[in-house]
Amino acid sequence: MNMKRLKRNAFIIGSILFIAGNLYLTFKEDSKAERTQWVTKWNSSTVKDVTESFQTAGVITTAEVTPVYFNRDQGSFQKFLVEEGQVIDAGDPLFEYSSVDLERQLTKLEAEKAEAQQKIGFVEQQISQFAGILNNLERETRRTNNTDKDNKDEDSDLSAITMMEKEIIEQETEKKNLEEEVRKYEKLISQLESNKSSLVVKSEVEGIVKHIDEQLNNPLITLHSPNPAVQGLLTEQQMRKASEGLQIKAAVAPQSLQLEGSISSLQKFPKKEPSVNQKSLYPFTAQLNQTGDAQTTDLLPGMKSNVTIITNEALQAITVPKSSVVKTKKKSYVYVLNKKGLIEKRNIQTGLLVNGVQEVQSGLQKNEIIITDPSKLQTTKAHFTTPVQKDLLKKKPFKQLSTKERIKFILMGALS
């Protein structure tokens, strides 16, 4: 009886020591004893776009506004050549100046030019007459010298010749001045003639006639470009994230259109005067890209849209769930279930984190299997096992394996 009790106690003590020893080897840090970790939740790294953005409301408008001015110094107004709402191309006529003032100026300049030309003709006659008198005086002087007249007559002749030469010089100077005056009138007339072609003001851009001021106030005509744009307001917090050039997406509800573009202008001063009692809102405009979609022609200024402003993005990035990443002060890790059947602690470089999706910039390839909840791991230096997938125990998945794969898995099962 005592022997049986002794054997039983020895068995119990041995079992306890055996179990305790195994537990010690299993949980001892840096133990070389093989361990197996039961894994129930895992996922594979995927490739997708990670986009950091915020949303605001917007309204469809035109991308550019072109004012057309009326220059009163160029003449008086004659008539408009377009109507509000009319679609125009570059080079189409918009309005016309009156030619009455221009014709009046031309008539005046032509008269002044003709008067100057008449004066030139009169001066030329004077010069011709004075030249004839001068020739007679010179001939008379030569004849007097030959007949030995007294010195008084000779001096009188020389004085008359000098006076006549002076008159001719003065008349030639007057003629040059009048010719210069004629050239001035011809230049002014040429300028006015060229202005006749500019009496009709033409559009420099294509677009739509948005407004015509019948009171002839400037701008006389306002043109809107056919290219669509979207305008909206940003809060102070959104302004800190926004900048010109950022990509945007605009969703227009009635047409179910998804348009893309970029911020073309961002006003640094709020729409209303700054006040302590109200929030500051900052206007922005985004140019929308021409998609070639026929439906974009149905966009009308004033249509409402939901605008998504993209502040940062990683296109075709390798991603994992946020819950799978373990972060320390300096490094980030994921636990990879590798092809050797081991749990591998892998150092990674992280990027954008948006809505629970973590971009992995380096350290991980796509379709690698990772543990989605590493906080439940009891050990990280171990083999792993996963629940049996019952669907794979059927004959069909087994038949889909190649002969080499079948032999490999049979040997793994027999030898493990």
Protein backbone atom coordinates (compact mmCIF):
# COMPACT_ATOMS: atom_id res chain seq x y z
CA MET A 1 0.00 0.00 0.00
CA ASN A 2 2.81 2.37 0.89
CA MET A 3 4.66 1.34 -2.23
CA LYS A 4 1.66 2.20 -4.43
CA ARG A 5 1.30 5.54 -2.71
CA LEU A 6 5.01 6.22 -3.15
CA LYS A 7 4.84 5.41 -6.87
CA ARG A 8 1.78 7.60 -7.28
CA ASN A 9 3.42 10.54 -5.54
CA ALA A 10 6.57 10.06 -7.58
CA PHE A 11 4.50 10.07 -10.78
CA ILE A 12 2.67 13.24 -9.74
CA ILE A 13 5.90 15.01 -8.78
CA GLY A 14 7.56 13.91 -12.01
CA SER A 15 4.64 15.14 -14.07
CA ILE A 16 4.67 18.49 -12.30
CA LEU A 17 8.42 18.85 -12.86
CA PHE A 18 8.05 17.88 -16.51
CA ILE A 19 5.27 20.38 -17.11
CA ALA A 20 7.09 23.10 -15.17
CA GLY A 21 10.28 22.48 -17.12
CA ASN A 22 8.47 22.73 -20.43
CA LEU A 23 6.68 25.88 -19.36
CA TYR A 24 10.00 27.37 -18.28
CA LEU A 25 11.64 26.54 -21.60
CA THR A 26 8.66 27.81 -23.50
CA PHE A 27 8.34 31.19 -21.84
CA LYS A 28 12.00 31.79 -20.94
CA GLU A 29 13.35 34.72 -22.94
CA ASP A 30 15.92 33.67 -25.58
CA SER A 31 14.99 30.04 -25.02
CA LYS A 32 16.00 27.70 -27.86
CA ALA A 33 12.99 25.51 -27.32
CA GLU A 34 10.72 25.38 -30.36
CA ARG A 35 7.43 27.23 -29.98
CA THR A 36 4.30 27.36 -32.05
CA GLN A 37 2.01 30.40 -32.18
CA TRP A 38 -1.68 30.01 -32.95
CA VAL A 39 -2.66 32.71 -35.50
CA THR A 40 -6.31 33.39 -36.32
CA LYS A 41 -6.20 36.86 -37.93
CA TRP A 42 -3.94 37.80 -40.78
CA ASN A 43 -4.04 39.83 -43.94
CA SER A 44 -1.93 40.44 -47.03
CA SER A 45 -0.32 43.74 -47.98
CA THR A 46 -2.16 45.37 -50.86
CA VAL A 47 -1.47 48.03 -53.47
CA LYS A 48 -3.83 51.02 -53.47
CA ASP A 49 -3.88 54.82 -53.56
CA VAL A 50 -3.64 56.54 -50.20
CA THR A 51 -5.14 60.03 -50.34
CA GLU A 52 -5.13 62.71 -47.66
CA SER A 53 -7.86 65.27 -48.32
CA PHE A 54 -10.67 67.41 -46.95
CA GLN A 55 -14.02 68.46 -48.34
CA THR A 56 -15.85 71.72 -48.80
CA ALA A 57 -18.78 73.08 -50.79
CA GLY A 58 -18.39 74.81 -54.14
CA VAL A 59 -20.30 76.35 -57.01
CA ILE A 60 -19.67 76.03 -60.75
CA THR A 61 -18.54 79.24 -62.44
CA THR A 62 -16.38 80.33 -65.37
CA ALA A 63 -12.62 80.12 -65.28
CA GLU A 64 -11.86 83.60 -66.70
CA VAL A 65 -13.67 86.93 -66.95
CA THR A 66 -12.54 89.33 -69.72
CA PRO A 67 -13.69 92.98 -69.58
CA VAL A 68 -13.93 95.05 -72.80
CA TYR A 69 -13.57 98.82 -72.40
CA PHE A 70 -14.90 101.82 -74.31
CA ASN A 71 -12.25 104.51 -75.02
CA ARG A 72 -13.95 107.91 -75.33
CA ASP A 73 -10.75 109.45 -76.71
CA GLN A 74 -11.02 107.15 -79.71
CA GLY A 75 -14.43 108.41 -80.70
CA SER A 76 -18.10 108.32 -79.86
CA PHE A 77 -20.12 105.13 -79.55
CA GLN A 78 -22.04 103.91 -82.61
CA LYS A 79 -23.70 100.53 -81.77
CA PHE A 80 -23.33 97.08 -80.18
CA LEU A 81 -22.69 94.15 -82.50
CA VAL A 82 -23.45 91.33 -80.00
CA GLU A 83 -26.15 90.38 -77.50
CA GLU A 84 -26.04 89.03 -73.96
CA GLY A 85 -25.73 85.24 -73.89
CA GLN A 86 -24.20 85.09 -77.37
CA VAL A 87 -21.32 82.65 -77.91
CA ILE A 88 -18.41 84.27 -79.71
CA ASP A 89 -15.01 83.32 -81.11
CA ALA A 90 -11.78 85.29 -81.04
CA GLY A 91 -11.95 87.94 -83.77
CA ASP A 92 -15.72 88.39 -83.68
CA PRO A 93 -16.91 92.07 -83.67
CA LEU A 94 -18.28 93.38 -80.36
CA PHE A 95 -19.14 97.05 -80.87
CA GLU A 96 -18.47 99.95 -83.22
CA TYR A 97 -17.28 103.53 -82.78
CA SER A 98 -18.99 106.33 -84.70
CA SER A 99 -17.08 107.59 -87.77
CA VAL A 100 -18.57 111.13 -87.61
CA ASP A 101 -15.85 112.58 -85.41
CA LEU A 102 -13.18 110.82 -87.44
CA GLU A 103 -14.49 112.17 -90.72
CA ARG A 104 -14.69 115.66 -89.22
CA GLN A 105 -11.06 115.49 -88.15
CA LEU A 106 -10.02 114.16 -91.55
CA THR A 107 -11.80 116.99 -93.33
CA LYS A 108 -10.11 119.55 -91.09
CA LEU A 109 -6.64 118.07 -91.64
CA GLU A 110 -7.15 117.80 -95.40
CA ALA A 111 -8.11 121.51 -95.49
CA GLU A 112 -5.06 122.52 -93.46
CA LYS A 113 -2.82 120.44 -95.69
CA ALA A 114 -4.32 122.06 -98.83
CA GLU A 115 -3.82 125.53 -97.34
CA ALA A 116 -0.16 124.77 -96.63
CA GLN A 117 0.31 123.49 -100.17
CA GLN A 118 -1.21 126.69 -101.57
CA LYS A 119 1.23 128.73 -99.51
CA ILE A 120 4.07 126.65 -100.91
CA GLY A 121 2.89 127.48 -104.43
CA PHE A 122 2.77 131.20 -103.60
CA VAL A 123 6.27 131.09 -102.06
CA GLU A 124 7.63 129.30 -105.13
CA GLN A 125 6.22 132.10 -107.31
CA GLN A 126 7.89 134.66 -105.07
CA ILE A 127 11.21 132.85 -105.29
CA SER A 128 10.90 132.69 -109.09
CA GLN A 129 10.14 136.42 -109.32
CA PHE A 130 12.99 137.35 -106.97
CA ALA A 131 15.36 135.13 -108.96
CA GLY A 132 14.39 136.96 -112.18
CA ILE A 133 14.94 140.35 -110.56
CA LEU A 134 18.30 139.16 -109.22
CA ASN A 135 19.42 138.09 -112.70
CA ASN A 136 18.45 141.50 -114.11
CA LEU A 137 20.36 143.30 -111.36
CA GLU A 138 23.48 141.23 -111.88
CA ARG A 139 23.33 141.79 -115.66
CA GLU A 140 22.82 145.55 -115.13
CA THR A 141 25.79 145.67 -112.75
CA ARG A 142 28.11 143.99 -115.29
CA ARG A 143 26.98 146.43 -117.97
CA THR A 144 27.55 149.46 -115.68
CA ASN A 145 31.07 148.30 -114.87
CA ASN A 146 31.89 148.22 -118.57
CA THR A 147 30.69 151.83 -119.12
CA ASP A 148 32.71 153.22 -116.13
CA LYS A 149 29.80 154.77 -114.23
CA ASP A 150 30.50 156.47 -110.95
CA ASN A 151 30.90 154.54 -107.69
CA LYS A 152 27.51 155.62 -106.30
CA ASP A 153 25.59 153.79 -109.00
CA GLU A 154 27.76 150.73 -108.54
CA ASP A 155 27.16 150.65 -104.76
CA SER A 156 23.41 151.02 -105.31
CA ASP A 157 23.34 148.02 -107.63
CA LEU A 158 25.33 145.87 -105.21
CA SER A 159 22.97 146.79 -102.34
CA ALA A 160 19.93 145.78 -104.42
CA ILE A 161 21.55 142.44 -105.31
CA THR A 162 22.28 141.69 -101.64
CA MET A 163 18.74 142.52 -100.60
CA MET A 164 17.29 140.32 -103.32
CA GLU A 165 19.52 137.38 -102.33
CA LYS A 166 18.34 137.78 -98.73
CA GLU A 167 14.69 137.73 -99.86
CA ILE A 168 15.26 134.53 -101.83
CA ILE A 169 16.88 132.81 -98.78
CA GLU A 170 13.97 133.83 -96.55
CA GLN A 171 11.42 132.51 -99.05
CA GLU A 172 13.28 129.18 -99.40
CA THR A 173 13.29 128.84 -95.57
CA GLU A 174 9.55 129.54 -95.53
CA LYS A 175 9.05 126.88 -98.22
CA LYS A 176 10.92 124.27 -96.14
CA ASN A 177 8.79 125.08 -93.09
CA LEU A 178 5.59 124.74 -95.11
CA GLU A 179 6.77 121.40 -96.60
CA GLU A 180 7.43 120.12 -93.06
CA GLU A 181 3.93 121.22 -92.08
CA VAL A 182 2.46 119.30 -95.03
CA ARG A 183 4.33 116.16 -93.99
CA LYS A 184 2.90 116.55 -90.45
CA TYR A 185 -0.66 116.75 -91.80
CA GLU A 186 -0.07 113.74 -94.05
CA LYS A 187 1.09 111.71 -91.03
CA LEU A 188 -1.97 112.71 -88.99
CA ILE A 189 -4.27 111.91 -91.89
CA SER A 190 -2.61 108.49 -92.31
CA GLN A 191 -3.14 107.75 -88.62
CA LEU A 192 -6.81 108.68 -88.82
CA GLU A 193 -7.25 106.57 -91.94
CA SER A 194 -5.78 103.58 -90.09
CA ASN A 195 -8.13 104.30 -87.20
CA LYS A 196 -11.04 103.64 -89.53
CA SER A 197 -10.18 99.95 -89.37
CA SER A 198 -10.30 100.08 -85.56
CA LEU A 199 -13.77 101.59 -85.42
CA VAL A 200 -15.02 98.01 -84.99
CA VAL A 201 -13.70 96.50 -81.74
CA LYS A 202 -13.16 92.73 -81.99
CA SER A 203 -12.92 90.11 -79.25
CA GLU A 204 -9.47 88.79 -78.41
CA VAL A 205 -10.86 85.63 -76.76
CA GLU A 206 -13.60 83.08 -77.23
CA GLY A 207 -16.39 82.93 -74.70
CA ILE A 208 -19.90 84.01 -73.83
CA VAL A 209 -21.23 87.59 -73.64
CA LYS A 210 -22.18 87.77 -69.99
CA HIS A 211 -23.12 91.47 -69.67
CA ILE A 212 -23.57 94.57 -71.84
CA ASP A 213 -23.72 98.01 -70.20
CA GLU A 214 -26.30 99.99 -72.13
CA GLN A 215 -25.31 103.13 -70.19
CA LEU A 216 -21.84 102.95 -71.79
CA ASN A 217 -20.07 102.59 -68.45
CA ASN A 218 -16.84 100.61 -68.34
CA PRO A 219 -16.42 97.75 -68.70
CA LEU A 220 -18.74 98.11 -71.66
CA ILE A 221 -18.92 94.34 -72.31
CA THR A 222 -18.04 91.44 -69.98
CA LEU A 223 -17.00 88.12 -71.51
CA HIS A 224 -16.87 84.78 -69.68
CA SER A 225 -14.64 81.98 -70.92
CA PRO A 226 -16.33 78.67 -71.85
CA ASN A 227 -13.99 76.71 -69.56
CA PRO A 228 -15.69 75.70 -66.28
CA ALA A 229 -14.26 76.42 -62.84
CA VAL A 230 -15.41 75.94 -59.27
CA GLN A 231 -15.39 78.52 -56.50
CA GLY A 232 -15.78 78.04 -52.77
CA LEU A 233 -14.80 79.16 -49.29
CA LEU A 234 -12.22 77.70 -46.89
CA THR A 235 -12.10 77.91 -43.11
CA GLU A 236 -9.00 79.04 -41.24
CA GLN A 237 -8.03 75.40 -40.54
CA GLN A 238 -8.50 74.44 -44.20
CA MET A 239 -6.48 77.45 -45.36
CA ARG A 240 -3.47 76.12 -43.44
CA LYS A 241 -3.62 72.94 -45.51
CA ALA A 242 -4.43 74.50 -48.90
CA SER A 243 -2.12 76.02 -51.49
CA GLU A 244 -2.29 76.96 -55.17
CA GLY A 245 -1.69 74.01 -57.47
CA LEU A 246 -3.29 71.37 -55.24
CA GLN A 247 -5.40 68.83 -57.13
CA ILE A 248 -9.17 68.82 -56.54
CA LYS A 249 -12.16 66.67 -57.41
CA ALA A 250 -15.60 68.21 -57.89
CA ALA A 251 -18.81 66.17 -57.83
CA VAL A 252 -21.81 67.86 -59.47
CA ALA A 253 -24.95 66.15 -58.21
CA PRO A 254 -27.57 66.83 -60.94
CA GLN A 255 -25.36 65.44 -63.73
CA SER A 256 -23.51 62.89 -61.54
CA LEU A 257 -20.29 64.27 -62.96
CA GLN A 258 -16.89 63.71 -61.38
CA LEU A 259 -14.54 66.47 -62.53
CA GLU A 260 -10.88 67.03 -61.73
CA GLY A 261 -8.76 70.17 -61.64
CA SER A 262 -6.40 72.25 -59.55
CA ILE A 263 -6.55 75.36 -57.35
CA SER A 264 -5.69 78.37 -59.55
CA SER A 265 -6.17 81.16 -57.00
CA LEU A 266 -6.32 81.35 -53.23
CA GLN A 267 -7.17 84.67 -51.60
CA LYS A 268 -5.25 85.43 -48.43
CA PHE A 269 -7.80 87.99 -47.26
CA PRO A 270 -11.22 86.78 -46.00
CA LYS A 271 -14.37 87.38 -48.02
CA LYS A 272 -15.80 89.68 -45.35
CA GLU A 273 -14.04 92.20 -43.16
CA PRO A 274 -12.33 90.38 -40.27
CA SER A 275 -14.39 90.39 -37.10
CA VAL A 276 -14.03 88.88 -33.64
CA ASN A 277 -17.66 87.77 -33.68
CA GLN A 278 -17.63 85.76 -36.91
CA LYS A 279 -15.53 83.09 -38.57
CA SER A 280 -13.21 84.08 -41.38
CA LEU A 281 -13.81 82.40 -44.74
CA TYR A 282 -11.29 82.59 -47.59
CA PRO A 283 -12.36 82.39 -51.28
CA PHE A 284 -10.64 80.00 -53.68
CA THR A 285 -11.02 79.19 -57.37
CA ALA A 286 -10.12 75.90 -59.03
CA GLN A 287 -9.71 75.47 -62.78
CA LEU A 288 -11.49 72.33 -64.00
CA ASN A 289 -9.88 70.17 -66.66
CA GLN A 290 -11.56 69.65 -70.00
CA THR A 291 -12.53 65.99 -70.02
CA GLY A 292 -14.01 65.84 -73.49
CA ASP A 293 -17.23 64.46 -71.99
CA ALA A 294 -20.29 65.84 -73.75
CA GLN A 295 -22.00 66.22 -70.39
CA THR A 296 -19.53 68.89 -69.30
CA THR A 297 -21.15 71.24 -71.81
CA ASP A 298 -24.32 71.01 -69.71
CA LEU A 299 -22.58 72.59 -66.71
CA LEU A 300 -24.16 75.90 -65.84
CA PRO A 301 -22.72 78.63 -63.63
CA GLY A 302 -24.39 78.41 -60.24
CA MET A 303 -24.61 74.62 -60.05
CA LYS A 304 -23.60 73.29 -56.63
CA SER A 305 -20.77 70.79 -56.18
CA ASN A 306 -18.95 68.90 -53.46
CA VAL A 307 -15.24 69.68 -53.65
CA THR A 308 -12.52 67.35 -52.39
CA ILE A 309 -9.12 69.06 -52.03
CA ILE A 310 -6.21 66.60 -52.07
CA THR A 311 -3.43 67.76 -49.75
CA ASN A 312 -1.21 64.68 -50.07
CA GLU A 313 -1.34 61.33 -51.81
CA ALA A 314 0.65 58.17 -52.45
CA LEU A 315 -0.38 56.48 -55.69
CA GLN A 316 -0.13 52.70 -56.07
CA ALA A 317 1.40 52.37 -52.60
CA ILE A 318 1.89 49.18 -50.60
CA THR A 319 -0.53 49.35 -47.68
CA VAL A 320 -1.39 47.45 -44.50
CA PRO A 321 -4.02 47.96 -41.78
CA LYS A 322 -2.99 50.40 -39.09
CA SER A 323 -3.61 47.71 -36.44
CA SER A 324 -0.85 45.54 -37.90
CA VAL A 325 1.91 48.10 -37.31
CA VAL A 326 3.85 48.13 -34.04
CA LYS A 327 5.60 51.44 -33.39
CA THR A 328 8.40 52.28 -31.01
CA LYS A 329 10.06 55.64 -30.48
CA LYS A 330 12.25 55.34 -33.56
CA LYS A 331 11.07 52.34 -35.61
CA SER A 332 7.97 50.63 -36.94
CA TYR A 333 7.45 46.88 -37.38
CA VAL A 334 5.04 44.35 -38.83
CA TYR A 335 4.97 40.63 -38.18
CA VAL A 336 5.21 38.66 -41.41
CA LEU A 337 4.13 35.04 -41.79
CA ASN A 338 6.93 33.95 -44.11
CA LYS A 339 7.16 30.95 -46.44
CA LYS A 340 9.26 29.02 -43.92
CA GLY A 341 6.33 28.89 -41.54
CA LEU A 342 7.92 31.39 -39.14
CA ILE A 343 6.74 34.64 -37.64
CA GLU A 344 9.20 37.27 -38.85
CA LYS A 345 9.53 40.67 -37.17
CA ARG A 346 10.08 43.07 -40.07
CA ASN A 347 11.31 46.67 -39.83
CA ILE A 348 9.36 48.98 -42.19
CA GLN A 349 9.34 52.64 -43.24
CA THR A 350 5.85 54.12 -42.94
CA GLY A 351 4.27 56.97 -44.93
CA LEU A 352 0.74 58.35 -45.07
CA LEU A 353 -1.89 57.11 -42.62
CA VAL A 354 -5.47 57.74 -43.75
CA ASN A 355 -8.64 56.17 -42.31
CA GLY A 356 -6.82 53.22 -40.79
CA VAL A 357 -4.79 52.47 -43.94
CA GLN A 358 -1.01 52.72 -43.47
CA GLU A 359 1.33 53.33 -46.42
CA VAL A 360 4.53 51.27 -46.31
CA GLN A 361 7.35 53.01 -48.17
CA SER A 362 9.93 50.25 -47.72
CA GLY A 363 10.49 46.92 -45.99
CA LEU A 364 7.45 45.06 -47.35
CA GLN A 365 6.39 43.68 -50.71
CA LYS A 366 2.83 43.37 -51.97
CA ASN A 367 0.86 40.23 -51.09
CA GLU A 368 3.07 39.37 -48.11
CA ILE A 369 1.03 37.89 -45.22
CA ILE A 370 1.04 39.91 -41.99
CA ILE A 371 -0.56 39.51 -38.58
CA THR A 372 -3.32 42.08 -38.21
CA ASP A 373 -3.35 42.11 -34.38
CA PRO A 374 0.23 41.60 -33.14
CA SER A 375 -0.74 42.63 -29.58
CA LYS A 376 -2.17 39.11 -29.07
CA LEU A 377 1.11 37.37 -29.91
CA GLN A 378 2.53 35.36 -27.01
CA THR A 379 5.88 34.98 -28.73
CA THR A 380 7.43 36.32 -31.89
CA LYS A 381 10.21 33.78 -32.37
CA ALA A 382 8.15 30.77 -33.31
CA HIS A 383 6.46 28.76 -35.99
CA PHE A 384 2.81 29.45 -36.53
CA THR A 385 -0.33 27.47 -37.15
CA THR A 386 -3.63 28.68 -38.48
CA PRO A 387 -7.17 27.29 -38.36
CA VAL A 388 -8.01 24.68 -40.96
CA GLN A 389 -9.83 26.09 -43.96
CA LYS A 390 -12.49 23.41 -44.50
CA ASP A 391 -13.07 24.44 -48.10
CA LEU A 392 -9.49 23.49 -48.93
CA LEU A 393 -9.97 19.92 -47.58
CA LYS A 394 -12.14 19.06 -50.54
CA LYS A 395 -10.77 17.20 -53.55
CA LYS A 396 -11.16 20.08 -55.98
CA PRO A 397 -8.49 22.40 -54.44
CA PHE A 398 -6.14 19.37 -54.09
CA LYS A 399 -6.56 18.50 -57.76
CA GLN A 400 -5.67 22.08 -58.70
CA LEU A 401 -2.16 21.58 -57.26
CA SER A 402 0.70 20.48 -59.48
CA THR A 403 2.36 17.11 -58.89
CA LYS A 404 5.40 18.82 -57.42
CA GLU A 405 3.23 20.82 -54.98
CA ARG A 406 1.32 17.67 -53.92
CA ILE A 407 4.54 15.79 -53.10
CA LYS A 408 5.89 18.82 -51.24
CA PHE A 409 2.82 19.18 -49.00
CA ILE A 410 2.59 15.39 -48.36
CA LEU A 411 6.22 15.30 -47.21
CA MET A 412 5.72 18.39 -45.04
CA GLY A 413 2.75 16.72 -43.35
CA ALA A 414 4.57 13.43 -42.83
CA LEU A 415 7.79 14.88 -41.51
CA SER A 416 6.42 17.70 -39.36
